[in-house]
């Protein structure tokens, strides 16, 4: 199994299943937190494999992050902390 398959077909798919079950009141918030912690612990292990598997043909897309006015969530959260880092050879703007 490749790192991409682990992330997309395993971890992300599992997160979606747990989220869908939560929306149907079949799971609790604690189950969603467990799934998120599992993904959070796996990403640092998978990140080097994902980086090495990527091609060097250049950027494949743009990531846009926005905030909602009045949002009171703790800013120490890192929603994309391990899932997307800037390329080392490119300047962040």
C-alpha atoms as a PDB file:
ATOM      1  CA  UNK A   1       0.000   0.000   0.000  1.00  0.00           C
ATOM      2  CA  UNK A   2       1.337   3.452  -0.846  1.00  0.00           C
ATOM      3  CA  UNK A   3       1.345   6.369   1.562  1.00  0.00           C
ATOM      4  CA  UNK A   4      -1.310   8.081  -0.562  1.00  0.00           C
ATOM      5  CA  UNK A   5      -3.575   5.043  -0.308  1.00  0.00           C
ATOM      6  CA  UNK A   6      -3.105   4.928   3.461  1.00  0.00           C
ATOM      7  CA  UNK A   7      -4.065   8.597   3.791  1.00  0.00           C
ATOM      8  CA  UNK A   8      -6.920   8.771   1.286  1.00  0.00           C
ATOM      9  CA  UNK A   9      -8.362   5.243   1.304  1.00  0.00           C
ATOM     10  CA  UNK A  10      -7.679   4.553   4.968  1.00  0.00           C
ATOM     11  CA  UNK A  11      -7.381   7.508   7.311  1.00  0.00           C
ATOM     12  CA  UNK A  12      -9.482  10.087   5.451  1.00  0.00           C
ATOM     13  CA  UNK A  13     -12.117   7.527   4.533  1.00  0.00           C
ATOM     14  CA  UNK A  14     -12.302   6.409   8.160  1.00  0.00           C
ATOM     15  CA  UNK A  15     -12.705  10.009   9.291  1.00  0.00           C
ATOM     16  CA  UNK A  16     -15.570  10.439   6.832  1.00  0.00           C
ATOM     17  CA  UNK A  17     -17.291   7.269   8.052  1.00  0.00           C
ATOM     18  CA  UNK A  18     -17.046   8.337  11.699  1.00  0.00           C
ATOM     19  CA  UNK A  19     -18.285  11.846  10.791  1.00  0.00           C
ATOM     20  CA  UNK A  20     -21.243  10.455   8.865  1.00  0.00           C
ATOM     21  CA  UNK A  21     -22.115   8.141  11.754  1.00  0.00           C
ATOM     22  CA  UNK A  22     -21.896  11.073  14.168  1.00  0.00           C
ATOM     23  CA  UNK A  23     -24.335  13.070  12.026  1.00  0.00           C
ATOM     24  CA  UNK A  24     -26.774  10.141  12.229  1.00  0.00           C
ATOM     25  CA  UNK A  25     -26.313  10.055  16.049  1.00  0.00           C
ATOM     26  CA  UNK A  26     -24.662   6.638  15.830  1.00  0.00           C
ATOM     27  CA  UNK A  27     -21.320   7.822  17.284  1.00  0.00           C
ATOM     28  CA  UNK A  28     -20.155  10.319  19.885  1.00  0.00           C
ATOM     29  CA  UNK A  29     -17.753  13.252  19.728  1.00  0.00           C
ATOM     30  CA  UNK A  30     -15.172  11.118  21.528  1.00  0.00           C
ATOM     31  CA  UNK A  31     -15.179   8.709  18.578  1.00  0.00           C
ATOM     32  CA  UNK A  32     -14.467  11.580  16.211  1.00  0.00           C
ATOM     33  CA  UNK A  33     -11.634  12.756  18.458  1.00  0.00           C
ATOM     34  CA  UNK A  34     -10.116   9.260  18.497  1.00  0.00           C
ATOM     35  CA  UNK A  35     -10.189   9.140  14.695  1.00  0.00           C
ATOM     36  CA  UNK A  36      -8.619  12.601  14.484  1.00  0.00           C
ATOM     37  CA  UNK A  37      -5.874  11.644  16.955  1.00  0.00           C
ATOM     38  CA  UNK A  38      -5.115   8.523  14.942  1.00  0.00           C
ATOM     39  CA  UNK A  39      -4.706  10.588  11.792  1.00  0.00           C
ATOM     40  CA  UNK A  40      -2.663  13.189  13.689  1.00  0.00           C
ATOM     41  CA  UNK A  41      -0.251  10.509  14.917  1.00  0.00           C
ATOM     42  CA  UNK A  42       0.016   8.838  11.498  1.00  0.00           C
ATOM     43  CA  UNK A  43       0.706  11.956   9.421  1.00  0.00           C
ATOM     44  CA  UNK A  44       4.218  12.677  10.757  1.00  0.00           C
ATOM     45  CA  UNK A  45       5.162   9.095   9.877  1.00  0.00           C
ATOM     46  CA  UNK A  46       3.617   9.321   6.417  1.00  0.00           C
ATOM     47  CA  UNK A  47       4.765  12.865   5.561  1.00  0.00           C
ATOM     48  CA  UNK A  48       8.283  11.876   4.393  1.00  0.00           C
ATOM     49  CA  UNK A  49       6.812   9.124   2.216  1.00  0.00           C
ATOM     50  CA  UNK A  50       4.259  11.521   0.729  1.00  0.00           C
ATOM     51  CA  UNK A  51       6.952  14.102  -0.001  1.00  0.00           C
ATOM     52  CA  UNK A  52       9.263  11.596  -1.646  1.00  0.00           C
ATOM     53  CA  UNK A  53       6.424  10.134  -3.715  1.00  0.00           C
ATOM     54  CA  UNK A  54       5.433  13.520  -5.138  1.00  0.00           C
ATOM     55  CA  UNK A  55       6.663  14.452  -8.573  1.00  0.00           C
ATOM     56  CA  UNK A  56       8.850  17.477  -9.126  1.00  0.00           C
ATOM     57  CA  UNK A  57       6.821  18.862 -12.018  1.00  0.00           C
ATOM     58  CA  UNK A  58       5.701  21.829  -9.942  1.00  0.00           C
ATOM     59  CA  UNK A  59       2.697  22.818  -7.878  1.00  0.00           C
ATOM     60  CA  UNK A  60      -0.510  20.895  -8.425  1.00  0.00           C
ATOM     61  CA  UNK A  61      -2.922  23.339  -6.838  1.00  0.00           C
ATOM     62  CA  UNK A  62      -3.554  26.178  -4.455  1.00  0.00           C
ATOM     63  CA  UNK A  63      -4.545  25.932  -0.820  1.00  0.00           C
ATOM     64  CA  UNK A  64      -6.778  28.718   0.478  1.00  0.00           C
ATOM     65  CA  UNK A  65      -7.392  29.049   4.202  1.00  0.00           C
ATOM     66  CA  UNK A  66      -9.950  31.483   5.588  1.00  0.00           C
ATOM     67  CA  UNK A  67     -11.433  32.378   8.928  1.00  0.00           C
ATOM     68  CA  UNK A  68     -15.002  33.203   9.827  1.00  0.00           C
ATOM     69  CA  UNK A  69     -15.481  36.580  11.468  1.00  0.00           C
ATOM     70  CA  UNK A  70     -16.324  36.139  15.125  1.00  0.00           C
ATOM     71  CA  UNK A  71     -14.889  32.628  15.268  1.00  0.00           C
ATOM     72  CA  UNK A  72     -13.822  31.970  18.855  1.00  0.00           C
ATOM     73  CA  UNK A  73     -11.922  28.748  18.276  1.00  0.00           C
ATOM     74  CA  UNK A  74      -8.499  28.422  19.806  1.00  0.00           C
ATOM     75  CA  UNK A  75      -5.915  29.550  17.251  1.00  0.00           C
ATOM     76  CA  UNK A  76      -3.410  27.037  18.551  1.00  0.00           C
ATOM     77  CA  UNK A  77      -5.196  24.526  16.359  1.00  0.00           C
ATOM     78  CA  UNK A  78      -3.228  23.559  13.292  1.00  0.00           C
ATOM     79  CA  UNK A  79      -5.851  22.230  10.877  1.00  0.00           C
ATOM     80  CA  UNK A  80      -3.341  21.849   8.059  1.00  0.00           C
ATOM     81  CA  UNK A  81      -0.210  21.575  10.174  1.00  0.00           C
ATOM     82  CA  UNK A  82       0.904  18.194   8.882  1.00  0.00           C
ATOM     83  CA  UNK A  83      -1.292  17.736   5.857  1.00  0.00           C
ATOM     84  CA  UNK A  84       0.172  20.561   3.793  1.00  0.00           C
ATOM     85  CA  UNK A  85       3.512  22.272   4.223  1.00  0.00           C
ATOM     86  CA  UNK A  86       5.092  24.709   1.775  1.00  0.00           C
ATOM     87  CA  UNK A  87       7.738  23.330  -0.512  1.00  0.00           C
ATOM     88  CA  UNK A  88      11.220  24.089   0.702  1.00  0.00           C
ATOM     89  CA  UNK A  89      12.304  25.472  -2.648  1.00  0.00           C
ATOM     90  CA  UNK A  90       9.435  28.004  -2.850  1.00  0.00           C
ATOM     91  CA  UNK A  91       8.809  31.159  -0.903  1.00  0.00           C
ATOM     92  CA  UNK A  92       5.574  31.410   1.084  1.00  0.00           C
ATOM     93  CA  UNK A  93       3.400  34.371   0.224  1.00  0.00           C
END
